[in-house]
Amino acid sequence: MVINLSDEHSLVSNWVSELRNVEIQTDRMRFRRNLERIGEVAAYEISKTLAWKEEEVQTPLGAHTAKVLLEQPVIATILRAGLPLHNGVLNYFDKADNAFVSAYRKHHRDGSFDINLEYLSSPAIEGRVLIISDPMLATGASLVKTIEAIKNEGEPAEIHVVVAIACTVGIEYVHREAGEEIKIWCGDIDDELTAKGYIVPGLGDAGDLAFGPKNQF
């Protein structure tokens, strides 16, 4: 299941256009905030699909039967680029448990790369709803490796993935390698992937645009 949040021509498409715009994306604070807002909208949409229960609450004037989440999800992100998007999801699922994964591309001189996963911090995950945020779904390799690592801690009841921009190649890879039941919520979807694994037109390096350039290692 793939949901493109820009299909409805909502504010999400405005925020994605600013993420892509080379003039606007030089403002790091705005870039981070736009990622955060996409995470907030995605969290709201995901909340509509989750199980709920009735709970009686006491107001100053009486009792009211409200519908509330049956269980809080686990929100995970891939460091470092995923942090603003993760924070947006967390703004809405503010009582959720959190998981963090360090997965990155280790580039070789011939242009190829491997995915290195060096750190995982996760709460109990068995039977729970898992929401993973990562701004760019390009080849899908780092996301699949992240899902595999988290599943070593337990089997989630369902998995949602939130991305700002996805590539069709990466979506197909994730569903093929990690399961077609994974729901992918996208700010927008591009069709082209370069030989080096970058989305076109994409937006560039989300981590660098959000937090500044890094040394290559």
C-alpha atoms as a PDB file:
ATOM      1  CA  MET A   1       0.000   0.000   0.000  1.00  0.00           C
ATOM      2  CA  VAL A   2       1.447   3.359  -1.085  1.00  0.00           C
ATOM      3  CA  ILE A   3      -0.121   6.735  -0.247  1.00  0.00           C
ATOM      4  CA  ASN A   4       1.130   9.871  -2.032  1.00  0.00           C
ATOM      5  CA  LEU A   5       0.067  12.764   0.193  1.00  0.00           C
ATOM      6  CA  SER A   6       0.591  15.226  -2.677  1.00  0.00           C
ATOM      7  CA  ASP A   7      -2.092  13.580  -4.807  1.00  0.00           C
ATOM      8  CA  GLU A   8      -4.788  15.586  -3.040  1.00  0.00           C
ATOM      9  CA  HIS A   9      -3.022  18.905  -3.777  1.00  0.00           C
ATOM     10  CA  SER A  10      -3.018  19.809  -0.104  1.00  0.00           C
ATOM     11  CA  LEU A  11      -0.480  21.941   1.757  1.00  0.00           C
ATOM     12  CA  VAL A  12       1.852  18.929   1.670  1.00  0.00           C
ATOM     13  CA  SER A  13       2.599  19.587  -1.992  1.00  0.00           C
ATOM     14  CA  ASN A  14       3.475  23.196  -1.095  1.00  0.00           C
ATOM     15  CA  TRP A  15       5.922  22.039   1.565  1.00  0.00           C
ATOM     16  CA  VAL A  16       7.481  19.466  -0.781  1.00  0.00           C
ATOM     17  CA  SER A  17       7.957  22.145  -3.446  1.00  0.00           C
ATOM     18  CA  GLU A  18       9.841  24.257  -0.895  1.00  0.00           C
ATOM     19  CA  LEU A  19      11.994  21.270   0.081  1.00  0.00           C
ATOM     20  CA  ARG A  20      12.970  20.885  -3.575  1.00  0.00           C
ATOM     21  CA  ASN A  21      13.520  24.594  -4.303  1.00  0.00           C
ATOM     22  CA  VAL A  22      17.261  25.404  -4.363  1.00  0.00           C
ATOM     23  CA  GLU A  23      16.610  28.973  -3.246  1.00  0.00           C
ATOM     24  CA  ILE A  24      14.339  28.160  -0.312  1.00  0.00           C
ATOM     25  CA  GLN A  25      16.199  25.050   0.884  1.00  0.00           C
ATOM     26  CA  THR A  26      19.224  27.174   1.852  1.00  0.00           C
ATOM     27  CA  ASP A  27      17.168  28.170   4.916  1.00  0.00           C
ATOM     28  CA  ARG A  28      17.948  25.179   7.143  1.00  0.00           C
ATOM     29  CA  MET A  29      15.329  26.045   9.740  1.00  0.00           C
ATOM     30  CA  ARG A  30      12.585  26.174   7.109  1.00  0.00           C
ATOM     31  CA  PHE A  31      13.862  22.954   5.538  1.00  0.00           C
ATOM     32  CA  ARG A  32      13.680  21.152   8.888  1.00  0.00           C
ATOM     33  CA  ARG A  33      10.257  22.621   9.647  1.00  0.00           C
ATOM     34  CA  ASN A  34       8.856  21.523   6.288  1.00  0.00           C
ATOM     35  CA  LEU A  35      10.040  17.964   6.962  1.00  0.00           C
ATOM     36  CA  GLU A  36       8.499  18.199  10.422  1.00  0.00           C
ATOM     37  CA  ARG A  37       5.143  19.361   9.010  1.00  0.00           C
ATOM     38  CA  ILE A  38       5.052  16.478   6.525  1.00  0.00           C
ATOM     39  CA  GLY A  39       5.651  14.136   9.466  1.00  0.00           C
ATOM     40  CA  GLU A  40       2.762  15.730  11.352  1.00  0.00           C
ATOM     41  CA  VAL A  41       0.326  15.293   8.455  1.00  0.00           C
ATOM     42  CA  ALA A  42       1.452  11.708   7.917  1.00  0.00           C
ATOM     43  CA  ALA A  43       0.976  10.959  11.622  1.00  0.00           C
ATOM     44  CA  TYR A  44      -2.564  12.353  11.489  1.00  0.00           C
ATOM     45  CA  GLU A  45      -3.402  10.227   8.438  1.00  0.00           C
ATOM     46  CA  ILE A  46      -1.877   7.108   9.990  1.00  0.00           C
ATOM     47  CA  SER A  47      -3.872   7.685  13.184  1.00  0.00           C
ATOM     48  CA  LYS A  48      -7.093   7.189  11.207  1.00  0.00           C
ATOM     49  CA  THR A  49      -6.047   3.587  10.486  1.00  0.00           C
ATOM     50  CA  LEU A  50      -5.144   2.569  14.051  1.00  0.00           C
ATOM     51  CA  ALA A  51      -7.245   0.671  16.560  1.00  0.00           C
ATOM     52  CA  TRP A  52      -9.111   2.663  19.200  1.00  0.00           C
ATOM     53  CA  LYS A  53     -11.109   2.106  22.370  1.00  0.00           C
ATOM     54  CA  GLU A  54     -13.780   3.953  24.307  1.00  0.00           C
ATOM     55  CA  GLU A  55     -12.703   5.664  27.489  1.00  0.00           C
ATOM     56  CA  GLU A  56     -14.747   7.687  29.941  1.00  0.00           C
ATOM     57  CA  VAL A  57     -13.255  11.038  30.914  1.00  0.00           C
ATOM     58  CA  GLN A  58     -14.469  13.459  33.517  1.00  0.00           C
ATOM     59  CA  THR A  59     -15.023  17.081  32.475  1.00  0.00           C
ATOM     60  CA  PRO A  60     -15.709  19.930  34.926  1.00  0.00           C
ATOM     61  CA  LEU A  61     -19.430  19.487  34.143  1.00  0.00           C
ATOM     62  CA  GLY A  62     -19.853  15.757  33.731  1.00  0.00           C
ATOM     63  CA  ALA A  63     -18.657  12.525  32.142  1.00  0.00           C
ATOM     64  CA  HIS A  64     -17.899  11.994  28.462  1.00  0.00           C
ATOM     65  CA  THR A  65     -17.186   8.805  26.534  1.00  0.00           C
ATOM     66  CA  ALA A  66     -14.262   9.474  24.201  1.00  0.00           C
ATOM     67  CA  LYS A  67     -12.502   7.444  21.511  1.00  0.00           C
ATOM     68  CA  VAL A  68      -8.764   7.115  22.181  1.00  0.00           C
ATOM     69  CA  LEU A  69      -5.914   5.058  20.753  1.00  0.00           C
ATOM     70  CA  LEU A  70      -5.943   1.463  21.920  1.00  0.00           C
ATOM     71  CA  GLU A  71      -2.142   1.435  22.115  1.00  0.00           C
ATOM     72  CA  GLN A  72       0.657   3.885  21.417  1.00  0.00           C
ATOM     73  CA  PRO A  73       2.896   3.082  18.434  1.00  0.00           C
ATOM     74  CA  VAL A  74       6.672   2.809  18.327  1.00  0.00           C
ATOM     75  CA  ILE A  75       8.234   5.568  16.232  1.00  0.00           C
ATOM     76  CA  ALA A  76      11.625   4.854  14.674  1.00  0.00           C
ATOM     77  CA  THR A  77      13.989   6.903  12.564  1.00  0.00           C
ATOM     78  CA  ILE A  78      17.248   6.532  10.678  1.00  0.00           C
ATOM     79  CA  LEU A  79      19.894   8.948  11.949  1.00  0.00           C
ATOM     80  CA  ARG A  80      20.648  11.746  11.152  1.00  0.00           C
ATOM     81  CA  ALA A  81      18.490  12.923   8.260  1.00  0.00           C
ATOM     82  CA  GLY A  82      15.310  11.401   9.682  1.00  0.00           C
ATOM     83  CA  LEU A  83      15.256  13.478  12.870  1.00  0.00           C
ATOM     84  CA  PRO A  84      13.044  16.408  11.676  1.00  0.00           C
ATOM     85  CA  LEU A  85      10.522  14.040  10.063  1.00  0.00           C
ATOM     86  CA  HIS A  86      10.595  11.863  13.185  1.00  0.00           C
ATOM     87  CA  ASN A  87       9.954  14.893  15.380  1.00  0.00           C
ATOM     88  CA  GLY A  88       6.898  15.760  13.301  1.00  0.00           C
ATOM     89  CA  VAL A  89       5.441  12.289  13.807  1.00  0.00           C
ATOM     90  CA  LEU A  90       6.290  12.507  17.510  1.00  0.00           C
ATOM     91  CA  ASN A  91       4.511  15.868  17.812  1.00  0.00           C
ATOM     92  CA  TYR A  92       1.243  14.038  17.153  1.00  0.00           C
ATOM     93  CA  PHE A  93       2.001  10.656  18.721  1.00  0.00           C
ATOM     94  CA  ASP A  94       3.479  12.461  21.706  1.00  0.00           C
ATOM     95  CA  LYS A  95       3.162   9.490  24.077  1.00  0.00           C
ATOM     96  CA  ALA A  96       4.810   7.009  21.709  1.00  0.00           C
ATOM     97  CA  ASP A  97       7.936   4.993  22.445  1.00  0.00           C
ATOM     98  CA  ASN A  98      10.911   5.735  20.198  1.00  0.00           C
ATOM     99  CA  ALA A  99      13.599   3.754  18.385  1.00  0.00           C
ATOM    100  CA  PHE A 100      16.750   5.047  16.667  1.00  0.00           C
ATOM    101  CA  VAL A 101      18.896   3.393  14.028  1.00  0.00           C
ATOM    102  CA  SER A 102      22.256   4.428  12.600  1.00  0.00           C
ATOM    103  CA  ALA A 103      22.300   3.251   8.982  1.00  0.00           C
ATOM    104  CA  TYR A 104      24.339   4.967   6.304  1.00  0.00           C
ATOM    105  CA  ARG A 105      25.897   4.484   2.888  1.00  0.00           C
ATOM    106  CA  LYS A 106      29.560   3.450   2.929  1.00  0.00           C
ATOM    107  CA  HIS A 107      30.756   4.601  -0.498  1.00  0.00           C
ATOM    108  CA  HIS A 108      33.517   2.933  -2.485  1.00  0.00           C
ATOM    109  CA  ARG A 109      35.822   4.477  -5.071  1.00  0.00           C
ATOM    110  CA  ASP A 110      34.058   2.684  -7.926  1.00  0.00           C
ATOM    111  CA  GLY A 111      30.815   4.506  -7.070  1.00  0.00           C
ATOM    112  CA  SER A 112      29.149   1.541  -5.386  1.00  0.00           C
ATOM    113  CA  PHE A 113      28.148   1.504  -1.733  1.00  0.00           C
ATOM    114  CA  ASP A 114      27.192  -0.766   1.135  1.00  0.00           C
ATOM    115  CA  ILE A 115      24.755  -0.041   3.948  1.00  0.00           C
ATOM    116  CA  ASN A 116      26.428   0.052   7.353  1.00  0.00           C
ATOM    117  CA  LEU A 117      24.174  -0.311  10.397  1.00  0.00           C
ATOM    118  CA  GLU A 118      26.134   0.341  13.571  1.00  0.00           C
ATOM    119  CA  TYR A 119      23.579   1.277  16.247  1.00  0.00           C
ATOM    120  CA  LEU A 120      20.055   0.332  17.257  1.00  0.00           C
ATOM    121  CA  SER A 121      18.118   1.488  20.302  1.00  0.00           C
ATOM    122  CA  SER A 122      14.589   0.087  20.459  1.00  0.00           C
ATOM    123  CA  PRO A 123      11.819  -0.478  23.010  1.00  0.00           C
ATOM    124  CA  ALA A 124       9.771  -3.679  23.074  1.00  0.00           C
ATOM    125  CA  ILE A 125       8.361  -4.070  19.566  1.00  0.00           C
ATOM    126  CA  GLU A 126       6.536  -7.414  19.556  1.00  0.00           C
ATOM    127  CA  GLY A 127       2.940  -7.045  18.382  1.00  0.00           C
ATOM    128  CA  ARG A 128       3.058  -3.241  18.226  1.00  0.00           C
ATOM    129  CA  VAL A 129       2.510  -0.707  15.458  1.00  0.00           C
ATOM    130  CA  LEU A 130       5.847   0.517  14.082  1.00  0.00           C
ATOM    131  CA  ILE A 131       6.216   3.835  12.245  1.00  0.00           C
ATOM    132  CA  ILE A 132       9.597   4.440  10.564  1.00  0.00           C
ATOM    133  CA  SER A 133      10.487   7.921   9.299  1.00  0.00           C
ATOM    134  CA  ASP A 134      13.212   8.539   6.700  1.00  0.00           C
ATOM    135  CA  PRO A 135      13.086  11.585   4.402  1.00  0.00           C
ATOM    136  CA  MET A 136      14.332   9.921   1.205  1.00  0.00           C
ATOM    137  CA  LEU A 137      13.395   6.442  -0.020  1.00  0.00           C
ATOM    138  CA  ALA A 138      15.850   5.983  -2.904  1.00  0.00           C
ATOM    139  CA  THR A 139      17.172   2.445  -3.465  1.00  0.00           C
ATOM    140  CA  GLY A 140      15.387   1.187  -0.338  1.00  0.00           C
ATOM    141  CA  ALA A 141      18.498  -0.645   0.860  1.00  0.00           C
ATOM    142  CA  SER A 142      18.948   1.239   4.140  1.00  0.00           C
ATOM    143  CA  LEU A 143      15.244   1.005   4.952  1.00  0.00           C
ATOM    144  CA  VAL A 144      15.130  -2.754   4.366  1.00  0.00           C
ATOM    145  CA  LYS A 145      18.216  -3.251   6.523  1.00  0.00           C
ATOM    146  CA  THR A 146      16.626  -1.099   9.245  1.00  0.00           C
ATOM    147  CA  ILE A 147      13.401  -3.129   9.159  1.00  0.00           C
ATOM    148  CA  GLU A 148      15.386  -6.367   9.400  1.00  0.00           C
ATOM    149  CA  ALA A 149      17.355  -5.052  12.387  1.00  0.00           C
ATOM    150  CA  ILE A 150      14.238  -3.903  14.241  1.00  0.00           C
ATOM    151  CA  LYS A 151      12.492  -7.213  13.546  1.00  0.00           C
ATOM    152  CA  ASN A 152      15.350  -8.942  15.363  1.00  0.00           C
ATOM    153  CA  GLU A 153      13.948  -7.239  18.473  1.00  0.00           C
ATOM    154  CA  GLY A 154      10.417  -8.556  17.825  1.00  0.00           C
ATOM    155  CA  GLU A 155       7.741  -8.827  15.147  1.00  0.00           C
ATOM    156  CA  PRO A 156       5.614  -5.663  14.772  1.00  0.00           C
ATOM    157  CA  ALA A 157       1.865  -6.010  14.255  1.00  0.00           C
ATOM    158  CA  GLU A 158       2.107  -3.608  11.305  1.00  0.00           C
ATOM    159  CA  ILE A 159       4.669  -1.302   9.753  1.00  0.00           C
ATOM    160  CA  HIS A 160       4.172   2.208   8.381  1.00  0.00           C
ATOM    161  CA  VAL A 161       6.948   4.103   6.609  1.00  0.00           C
ATOM    162  CA  VAL A 162       6.879   7.909   6.340  1.00  0.00           C
ATOM    163  CA  VAL A 163       9.078   9.596   3.713  1.00  0.00           C
ATOM    164  CA  ALA A 164       9.225  13.070   2.209  1.00  0.00           C
ATOM    165  CA  ILE A 165      10.147  11.830  -1.268  1.00  0.00           C
ATOM    166  CA  ALA A 166      10.192   8.244  -2.522  1.00  0.00           C
ATOM    167  CA  CYS A 167      11.391   6.671  -5.753  1.00  0.00           C
ATOM    168  CA  THR A 168       9.286   3.989  -7.415  1.00  0.00           C
ATOM    169  CA  VAL A 169      12.363   1.721  -7.581  1.00  0.00           C
ATOM    170  CA  GLY A 170      12.833   1.968  -3.814  1.00  0.00           C
ATOM    171  CA  ILE A 171       9.150   1.368  -3.093  1.00  0.00           C
ATOM    172  CA  GLU A 172       9.203  -1.793  -5.186  1.00  0.00           C
ATOM    173  CA  TYR A 173      12.395  -2.992  -3.480  1.00  0.00           C
ATOM    174  CA  VAL A 174      10.997  -2.463   0.024  1.00  0.00           C
ATOM    175  CA  HIS A 175       7.799  -4.334  -0.786  1.00  0.00           C
ATOM    176  CA  ARG A 176       9.710  -7.142  -2.468  1.00  0.00           C
ATOM    177  CA  GLU A 177      12.305  -7.591   0.293  1.00  0.00           C
ATOM    178  CA  ALA A 178      10.422  -6.575   3.451  1.00  0.00           C
ATOM    179  CA  GLY A 179       6.776  -7.351   2.637  1.00  0.00           C
ATOM    180  CA  GLU A 180       3.960  -5.950   0.522  1.00  0.00           C
ATOM    181  CA  GLU A 181       1.878  -5.301   3.642  1.00  0.00           C
ATOM    182  CA  ILE A 182       4.138  -2.374   4.624  1.00  0.00           C
ATOM    183  CA  LYS A 183       2.274   0.933   4.185  1.00  0.00           C
ATOM    184  CA  ILE A 184       4.410   3.716   2.698  1.00  0.00           C
ATOM    185  CA  TRP A 185       3.237   7.321   3.195  1.00  0.00           C
ATOM    186  CA  CYS A 186       5.015   9.721   0.825  1.00  0.00           C
ATOM    187  CA  GLY A 187       5.153  13.488   0.546  1.00  0.00           C
ATOM    188  CA  ASP A 188       5.699  12.862  -3.168  1.00  0.00           C
ATOM    189  CA  ILE A 189       6.975  10.160  -5.536  1.00  0.00           C
ATOM    190  CA  ASP A 190       9.637  10.464  -8.269  1.00  0.00           C
ATOM    191  CA  ASP A 191      10.354   7.847 -10.928  1.00  0.00           C
ATOM    192  CA  GLU A 192      14.052   8.273 -11.717  1.00  0.00           C
ATOM    193  CA  LEU A 193      17.073   6.949  -9.822  1.00  0.00           C
ATOM    194  CA  THR A 194      20.663   7.669 -10.893  1.00  0.00           C
ATOM    195  CA  ALA A 195      23.371   5.011 -11.213  1.00  0.00           C
ATOM    196  CA  LYS A 196      24.727   6.206  -7.843  1.00  0.00           C
ATOM    197  CA  GLY A 197      21.349   5.756  -6.164  1.00  0.00           C
ATOM    198  CA  TYR A 198      20.090   9.341  -5.966  1.00  0.00           C
ATOM    199  CA  ILE A 199      16.475  10.363  -6.653  1.00  0.00           C
ATOM    200  CA  VAL A 200      15.828  12.650  -9.649  1.00  0.00           C
ATOM    201  CA  PRO A 201      14.603  15.346  -9.432  1.00  0.00           C
ATOM    202  CA  GLY A 202      14.548  14.683  -5.679  1.00  0.00           C
ATOM    203  CA  LEU A 203      15.865  17.473  -3.483  1.00  0.00           C
ATOM    204  CA  GLY A 204      19.533  16.715  -2.800  1.00  0.00           C
ATOM    205  CA  ASP A 205      21.020  15.410   0.455  1.00  0.00           C
ATOM    206  CA  ALA A 206      18.335  15.842   3.131  1.00  0.00           C
ATOM    207  CA  GLY A 207      20.778  15.382   5.996  1.00  0.00           C
ATOM    208  CA  ASP A 208      23.155  18.049   4.715  1.00  0.00           C
ATOM    209  CA  LEU A 209      20.316  20.471   3.975  1.00  0.00           C
ATOM    210  CA  ALA A 210      18.872  20.004   7.465  1.00  0.00           C
ATOM    211  CA  PHE A 211      22.063  19.960   9.523  1.00  0.00           C
ATOM    212  CA  GLY A 212      24.995  21.049   7.343  1.00  0.00           C
ATOM    213  CA  PRO A 213      27.528  19.170   5.195  1.00  0.00           C
ATOM    214  CA  LYS A 214      29.482  16.237   6.594  1.00  0.00           C
ATOM    215  CA  ASN A 215      32.899  14.821   5.894  1.00  0.00           C
ATOM    216  CA  GLN A 216      32.837  11.801   3.596  1.00  0.00           C
ATOM    217  CA  PHE A 217      34.028   8.620   5.300  1.00  0.00           C
END
